């Protein structure tokens, strides 16, 4: 099988990381951009404003 070119990361609001709202985005798996933490300005419907969202680790899943 081929190597993955992207990994899925979760973006949570910087001001309130325990918020119920978050985004899933794809990030490169290798190279220089893979080492940089992702941050983006996105819309938060709970506060009804655009806020800075930062990358957090994905929660563990159960089978």
Protein backbone atom coordinates (compact mmCIF):
# COMPACT_ATOMS: atom_id res chain seq x y z
CA UNK A 1 0.00 0.00 0.00
CA UNK A 2 1.06 3.55 -0.60
CA UNK A 3 1.87 6.01 2.17
CA UNK A 4 -0.77 8.50 3.20
CA UNK A 5 -0.24 12.01 1.83
CA UNK A 6 -2.60 13.70 4.32
CA UNK A 7 -3.66 13.20 7.93
CA UNK A 8 -6.89 14.33 9.53
CA UNK A 9 -6.58 16.87 12.39
CA UNK A 10 -9.14 18.57 14.57
CA UNK A 11 -9.34 22.35 14.90
CA UNK A 12 -10.79 23.66 18.17
CA UNK A 13 -11.39 27.29 19.26
CA UNK A 14 -8.27 28.76 20.84
CA UNK A 15 -10.25 30.68 23.47
CA UNK A 16 -12.40 27.70 24.51
CA UNK A 17 -10.77 24.33 23.60
CA UNK A 18 -13.43 22.32 25.45
CA UNK A 19 -16.17 23.77 23.22
CA UNK A 20 -18.65 21.39 21.59
CA UNK A 21 -17.91 22.81 18.12
CA UNK A 22 -14.82 21.91 16.06
CA UNK A 23 -13.65 21.43 12.48
CA UNK A 24 -11.89 18.46 10.87
CA UNK A 25 -9.32 19.36 8.19
CA UNK A 26 -6.65 17.57 6.16
CA UNK A 27 -2.99 18.39 6.74
CA UNK A 28 0.07 17.13 4.81
CA UNK A 29 1.60 13.97 6.31
CA UNK A 30 5.21 14.71 5.33
CA UNK A 31 7.52 17.60 4.59
CA UNK A 32 7.95 21.00 6.22
CA UNK A 33 4.25 21.82 6.52
CA UNK A 34 3.59 18.63 8.54
CA UNK A 35 5.74 19.92 11.42
CA UNK A 36 3.90 23.26 11.77
CA UNK A 37 0.81 23.43 13.99
CA UNK A 38 -2.20 24.44 11.95
CA UNK A 39 -4.28 27.50 12.89
CA UNK A 40 -7.07 29.17 10.94
CA UNK A 41 -9.75 31.79 11.37
CA UNK A 42 -13.10 30.02 11.14
CA UNK A 43 -16.71 30.74 12.05
CA UNK A 44 -17.85 29.58 15.48
CA UNK A 45 -21.66 29.23 15.54
CA UNK A 46 -21.82 29.04 19.35
CA UNK A 47 -20.40 32.57 19.69
CA UNK A 48 -21.60 33.69 16.22
CA UNK A 49 -18.17 35.18 15.40
CA UNK A 50 -15.06 34.35 13.43
CA UNK A 51 -12.38 33.08 15.82
CA UNK A 52 -8.94 31.54 15.71
CA UNK A 53 -9.06 27.74 15.66
CA UNK A 54 -5.91 25.75 16.52
CA UNK A 55 -4.89 22.17 15.92
CA UNK A 56 -5.44 19.61 18.66
CA UNK A 57 -4.87 15.88 18.80
CA UNK A 58 -7.72 13.66 17.65
CA UNK A 59 -9.66 12.00 20.48
CA UNK A 60 -9.17 8.25 20.95
CA UNK A 61 -11.72 6.09 19.18
CA UNK A 62 -13.34 2.87 20.25
CA UNK A 63 -13.86 -0.16 18.03
